[in-house]
Amino acid sequence: MGKRKVLSEKELKELVLPAQGEVFGRVIKLLGNDYLTVKCSDGKSRLARIRGKLKRRIWIRENDVVLISPWDFKPNERGDVVWRYTLAQIEWLKANGHIPQDF
């Protein structure tokens, strides 16, 4: 049995809302080796790591809106990317008040 392969982003229709302690963020810079700099909605800039589960499923580019789970060790400096939102999902989140309109 192999891993399930996602051939297009249209198959990723589910919408993940933030759980307790998770924040929205916008990708500022791709640093390489699965790390990126993210400006979070709580005003902090974090060094984020793309989880192994997401590495093979989706591509993350600059200015994408992602869901960040801060680490327990250094919550103000580091975090993991939990999910990347599509443009339609971002519009839905803005319309329903989950993220600010200017974010």
N, C-alpha and C. Protein backbone atom coordinates (compact mmCIF):
# COMPACT_ATOMS: atom_id res chain seq x y z
N MET A 1 0.82 -1.18 0.00
CA MET A 1 0.00 0.00 0.00
C MET A 1 0.87 1.25 0.00
N GLY A 2 0.61 2.12 -0.93
CA GLY A 2 1.34 3.37 -1.00
C GLY A 2 0.57 4.50 -0.35
N LYS A 3 1.18 5.67 -0.36
CA LYS A 3 0.51 6.84 0.18
C LYS A 3 -0.53 7.34 -0.79
N ARG A 4 -1.55 7.98 -0.28
CA ARG A 4 -2.57 8.56 -1.13
C ARG A 4 -2.00 9.78 -1.81
N LYS A 5 -2.10 9.84 -3.10
CA LYS A 5 -1.53 10.93 -3.86
C LYS A 5 -2.61 11.93 -4.22
N VAL A 6 -2.37 13.20 -3.98
CA VAL A 6 -3.31 14.26 -4.34
C VAL A 6 -2.85 14.82 -5.67
N LEU A 7 -3.68 14.67 -6.69
CA LEU A 7 -3.29 15.10 -8.02
C LEU A 7 -3.60 16.56 -8.29
N SER A 8 -4.58 17.13 -7.60
CA SER A 8 -4.90 18.54 -7.78
C SER A 8 -5.43 19.11 -6.46
N GLU A 9 -5.40 20.43 -6.34
CA GLU A 9 -5.87 21.07 -5.12
C GLU A 9 -7.38 21.03 -5.01
N LYS A 10 -8.08 20.71 -6.09
CA LYS A 10 -9.54 20.63 -6.03
C LYS A 10 -9.99 19.49 -5.13
N GLU A 11 -9.12 18.51 -4.93
CA GLU A 11 -9.45 17.40 -4.04
C GLU A 11 -9.32 17.79 -2.57
N LEU A 12 -8.67 18.90 -2.28
CA LEU A 12 -8.47 19.36 -0.90
C LEU A 12 -9.54 20.38 -0.54
N LYS A 13 -10.79 19.97 -0.50
CA LYS A 13 -11.90 20.89 -0.31
C LYS A 13 -12.19 21.18 1.15
N GLU A 14 -11.72 20.36 2.06
CA GLU A 14 -12.05 20.58 3.46
C GLU A 14 -11.46 21.89 3.96
N LEU A 15 -12.12 22.50 4.91
CA LEU A 15 -11.68 23.77 5.47
C LEU A 15 -11.30 23.55 6.93
N VAL A 16 -10.08 23.89 7.27
CA VAL A 16 -9.58 23.70 8.63
C VAL A 16 -9.65 25.04 9.35
N LEU A 17 -10.40 25.09 10.44
CA LEU A 17 -10.49 26.30 11.26
C LEU A 17 -9.48 26.20 12.40
N PRO A 18 -9.01 27.33 12.91
CA PRO A 18 -7.99 27.28 13.97
C PRO A 18 -8.53 26.68 15.27
N ALA A 19 -7.74 25.82 15.85
CA ALA A 19 -8.06 25.24 17.15
C ALA A 19 -7.48 26.14 18.24
N GLN A 20 -7.57 25.70 19.46
CA GLN A 20 -7.05 26.48 20.59
C GLN A 20 -5.54 26.67 20.45
N GLY A 21 -5.07 27.90 20.45
CA GLY A 21 -3.65 28.20 20.39
C GLY A 21 -3.09 28.37 18.99
N GLU A 22 -3.86 28.11 17.93
CA GLU A 22 -3.37 28.26 16.56
C GLU A 22 -3.72 29.65 16.04
N VAL A 23 -2.86 30.18 15.16
CA VAL A 23 -3.06 31.52 14.61
C VAL A 23 -2.91 31.49 13.09
N PHE A 24 -3.52 32.48 12.45
CA PHE A 24 -3.35 32.65 11.02
C PHE A 24 -2.04 33.39 10.76
N GLY A 25 -1.46 33.15 9.60
CA GLY A 25 -0.22 33.83 9.24
C GLY A 25 -0.11 33.98 7.74
N ARG A 26 0.70 34.96 7.32
CA ARG A 26 0.98 35.17 5.89
C ARG A 26 2.46 34.91 5.67
N VAL A 27 2.78 34.12 4.66
CA VAL A 27 4.16 33.75 4.37
C VAL A 27 4.90 34.97 3.84
N ILE A 28 5.99 35.33 4.50
CA ILE A 28 6.80 36.48 4.10
C ILE A 28 7.94 36.04 3.19
N LYS A 29 8.65 34.99 3.60
CA LYS A 29 9.83 34.57 2.85
C LYS A 29 10.03 33.07 2.97
N LEU A 30 10.38 32.45 1.86
CA LEU A 30 10.73 31.03 1.85
C LEU A 30 12.22 30.92 2.14
N LEU A 31 12.60 30.17 3.16
CA LEU A 31 13.99 30.09 3.57
C LEU A 31 14.69 28.83 3.05
N GLY A 32 13.92 27.88 2.54
CA GLY A 32 14.52 26.64 2.07
C GLY A 32 14.53 25.59 3.15
N ASN A 33 14.71 24.34 2.74
CA ASN A 33 14.77 23.21 3.65
C ASN A 33 13.50 23.13 4.52
N ASP A 34 12.34 23.43 3.91
CA ASP A 34 11.03 23.35 4.56
C ASP A 34 10.83 24.36 5.67
N TYR A 35 11.55 25.45 5.67
CA TYR A 35 11.37 26.52 6.65
C TYR A 35 10.94 27.79 5.93
N LEU A 36 10.15 28.61 6.63
CA LEU A 36 9.72 29.89 6.08
C LEU A 36 9.49 30.88 7.20
N THR A 37 9.49 32.15 6.83
CA THR A 37 9.19 33.22 7.77
C THR A 37 7.73 33.61 7.58
N VAL A 38 6.99 33.67 8.69
CA VAL A 38 5.55 33.93 8.64
C VAL A 38 5.23 35.10 9.56
N LYS A 39 4.44 36.06 9.06
CA LYS A 39 3.92 37.17 9.87
C LYS A 39 2.55 36.74 10.37
N CYS A 40 2.40 36.56 11.65
CA CYS A 40 1.18 36.00 12.22
C CYS A 40 0.16 37.09 12.56
N SER A 41 -1.09 36.67 12.74
CA SER A 41 -2.17 37.61 13.02
C SER A 41 -2.08 38.19 14.43
N ASP A 42 -1.28 37.59 15.30
CA ASP A 42 -1.10 38.16 16.64
C ASP A 42 0.04 39.18 16.68
N GLY A 43 0.58 39.56 15.51
CA GLY A 43 1.60 40.60 15.43
C GLY A 43 3.02 40.12 15.53
N LYS A 44 3.24 38.84 15.69
CA LYS A 44 4.59 38.30 15.82
C LYS A 44 5.05 37.67 14.52
N SER A 45 6.35 37.70 14.29
CA SER A 45 6.94 37.06 13.13
C SER A 45 7.61 35.77 13.61
N ARG A 46 7.24 34.65 12.99
CA ARG A 46 7.75 33.36 13.44
C ARG A 46 8.50 32.64 12.33
N LEU A 47 9.46 31.82 12.74
CA LEU A 47 10.13 30.89 11.86
C LEU A 47 9.31 29.62 11.89
N ALA A 48 8.72 29.27 10.74
CA ALA A 48 7.80 28.13 10.71
C ALA A 48 8.38 27.00 9.89
N ARG A 49 8.00 25.80 10.26
CA ARG A 49 8.45 24.59 9.58
C ARG A 49 7.23 23.92 8.94
N ILE A 50 7.39 23.45 7.70
CA ILE A 50 6.31 22.74 7.04
C ILE A 50 6.32 21.30 7.55
N ARG A 51 5.21 20.85 8.09
CA ARG A 51 5.12 19.49 8.61
C ARG A 51 5.30 18.48 7.49
N GLY A 52 5.80 17.31 7.82
CA GLY A 52 6.05 16.26 6.84
C GLY A 52 4.80 15.81 6.12
N LYS A 53 3.66 15.84 6.79
CA LYS A 53 2.40 15.45 6.18
C LYS A 53 2.01 16.40 5.05
N LEU A 54 2.35 17.69 5.20
CA LEU A 54 1.99 18.69 4.19
C LEU A 54 3.04 18.83 3.10
N LYS A 55 4.27 18.42 3.35
CA LYS A 55 5.36 18.59 2.38
C LYS A 55 5.02 17.98 1.03
N ARG A 56 4.42 16.81 1.06
CA ARG A 56 4.16 16.08 -0.17
C ARG A 56 2.78 16.35 -0.74
N ARG A 57 1.94 17.08 -0.01
CA ARG A 57 0.56 17.30 -0.45
C ARG A 57 0.36 18.63 -1.15
N ILE A 58 0.95 19.70 -0.63
CA ILE A 58 0.67 21.03 -1.16
C ILE A 58 1.95 21.82 -1.33
N TRP A 59 1.89 22.82 -2.19
CA TRP A 59 3.00 23.75 -2.38
C TRP A 59 2.65 25.04 -1.66
N ILE A 60 3.64 25.61 -0.98
CA ILE A 60 3.44 26.87 -0.27
C ILE A 60 4.33 27.91 -0.93
N ARG A 61 3.72 29.06 -1.26
CA ARG A 61 4.42 30.16 -1.91
C ARG A 61 4.35 31.40 -1.03
N GLU A 62 5.08 32.45 -1.42
CA GLU A 62 5.02 33.70 -0.68
C GLU A 62 3.63 34.30 -0.79
N ASN A 63 3.21 35.01 0.25
CA ASN A 63 1.91 35.66 0.39
C ASN A 63 0.75 34.69 0.55
N ASP A 64 0.99 33.41 0.76
CA ASP A 64 -0.08 32.47 1.05
C ASP A 64 -0.51 32.64 2.51
N VAL A 65 -1.79 32.43 2.77
CA VAL A 65 -2.29 32.45 4.14
C VAL A 65 -2.25 31.02 4.67
N VAL A 66 -1.61 30.85 5.82
CA VAL A 66 -1.43 29.53 6.42
C VAL A 66 -1.91 29.55 7.87
N LEU A 67 -2.11 28.37 8.40
CA LEU A 67 -2.47 28.21 9.80
C LEU A 67 -1.23 27.73 10.54
N ILE A 68 -0.87 28.45 11.60
CA ILE A 68 0.36 28.17 12.35
C ILE A 68 0.02 27.65 13.74
N SER A 69 0.72 26.61 14.14
CA SER A 69 0.63 26.09 15.50
C SER A 69 1.95 26.40 16.21
N PRO A 70 1.97 27.39 17.12
CA PRO A 70 3.22 27.72 17.81
C PRO A 70 3.74 26.55 18.64
N TRP A 71 5.05 26.47 18.71
CA TRP A 71 5.68 25.41 19.49
C TRP A 71 5.49 25.67 20.98
N ASP A 72 5.60 24.61 21.77
CA ASP A 72 5.55 24.75 23.22
C ASP A 72 6.87 25.33 23.75
N PHE A 73 7.96 25.04 23.04
CA PHE A 73 9.29 25.43 23.51
C PHE A 73 9.54 26.93 23.35
N LYS A 74 9.37 27.48 22.15
CA LYS A 74 9.53 28.91 21.89
C LYS A 74 8.30 29.42 21.15
N PRO A 75 7.19 29.64 21.85
CA PRO A 75 5.94 29.97 21.16
C PRO A 75 5.96 31.32 20.44
N ASN A 76 6.81 32.26 20.85
CA ASN A 76 6.85 33.57 20.21
C ASN A 76 7.80 33.61 19.01
N GLU A 77 8.58 32.57 18.81
CA GLU A 77 9.59 32.58 17.75
C GLU A 77 9.40 31.49 16.71
N ARG A 78 8.82 30.35 17.08
CA ARG A 78 8.77 29.19 16.18
C ARG A 78 7.37 28.60 16.12
N GLY A 79 7.13 27.85 15.02
CA GLY A 79 5.84 27.19 14.88
C GLY A 79 5.84 26.21 13.71
N ASP A 80 4.76 25.46 13.59
CA ASP A 80 4.57 24.52 12.50
C ASP A 80 3.43 24.99 11.62
N VAL A 81 3.58 24.78 10.31
CA VAL A 81 2.50 25.07 9.37
C VAL A 81 1.54 23.89 9.41
N VAL A 82 0.28 24.17 9.76
CA VAL A 82 -0.72 23.13 9.87
C VAL A 82 -1.52 23.02 8.59
N TRP A 83 -1.81 24.14 7.93
CA TRP A 83 -2.66 24.14 6.74
C TRP A 83 -2.39 25.36 5.89
N ARG A 84 -2.60 25.24 4.57
CA ARG A 84 -2.54 26.38 3.64
C ARG A 84 -3.92 26.55 3.03
N TYR A 85 -4.39 27.79 3.00
CA TYR A 85 -5.73 28.08 2.49
C TYR A 85 -5.68 28.50 1.03
N THR A 86 -6.71 28.09 0.27
CA THR A 86 -6.86 28.52 -1.12
C THR A 86 -7.52 29.90 -1.13
N LEU A 87 -7.57 30.54 -2.29
CA LEU A 87 -8.17 31.88 -2.38
C LEU A 87 -9.64 31.87 -2.01
N ALA A 88 -10.37 30.85 -2.44
CA ALA A 88 -11.80 30.77 -2.11
C ALA A 88 -12.00 30.59 -0.60
N GLN A 89 -11.14 29.81 0.03
CA GLN A 89 -11.24 29.62 1.47
C GLN A 89 -10.91 30.90 2.22
N ILE A 90 -9.95 31.69 1.72
CA ILE A 90 -9.60 32.96 2.36
C ILE A 90 -10.77 33.93 2.29
N GLU A 91 -11.43 34.00 1.14
CA GLU A 91 -12.60 34.87 1.00
C GLU A 91 -13.71 34.46 1.96
N TRP A 92 -13.93 33.15 2.12
CA TRP A 92 -14.95 32.67 3.05
C TRP A 92 -14.59 33.03 4.48
N LEU A 93 -13.31 32.88 4.85
CA LEU A 93 -12.88 33.22 6.20
C LEU A 93 -13.04 34.71 6.48
N LYS A 94 -12.74 35.56 5.49
CA LYS A 94 -12.92 37.01 5.66
C LYS A 94 -14.40 37.37 5.78
N ALA A 95 -15.24 36.74 4.96
CA ALA A 95 -16.67 37.04 4.98
C ALA A 95 -17.32 36.63 6.30
N ASN A 96 -16.83 35.58 6.91
CA ASN A 96 -17.41 35.10 8.17
C ASN A 96 -16.68 35.63 9.40
N GLY A 97 -15.73 36.53 9.22
CA GLY A 97 -15.11 37.21 10.35
C GLY A 97 -14.04 36.43 11.09
N HIS A 98 -13.49 35.38 10.49
CA HIS A 98 -12.43 34.63 11.15
C HIS A 98 -11.09 35.35 11.05
N ILE A 99 -10.84 36.03 9.93
CA ILE A 99 -9.62 36.83 9.78
C ILE A 99 -10.02 38.24 9.37
N PRO A 100 -9.25 39.27 9.72
CA PRO A 100 -9.59 40.65 9.37
C PRO A 100 -9.55 40.88 7.86
N GLN A 101 -10.29 41.87 7.39
CA GLN A 101 -10.37 42.17 5.97
C GLN A 101 -9.03 42.65 5.40
N ASP A 102 -8.22 43.34 6.21
CA ASP A 102 -6.95 43.89 5.72
C ASP A 102 -5.81 42.89 5.85
N PHE A 103 -6.05 41.70 6.37
CA PHE A 103 -5.01 40.70 6.52
C PHE A 103 -4.78 40.05 5.18
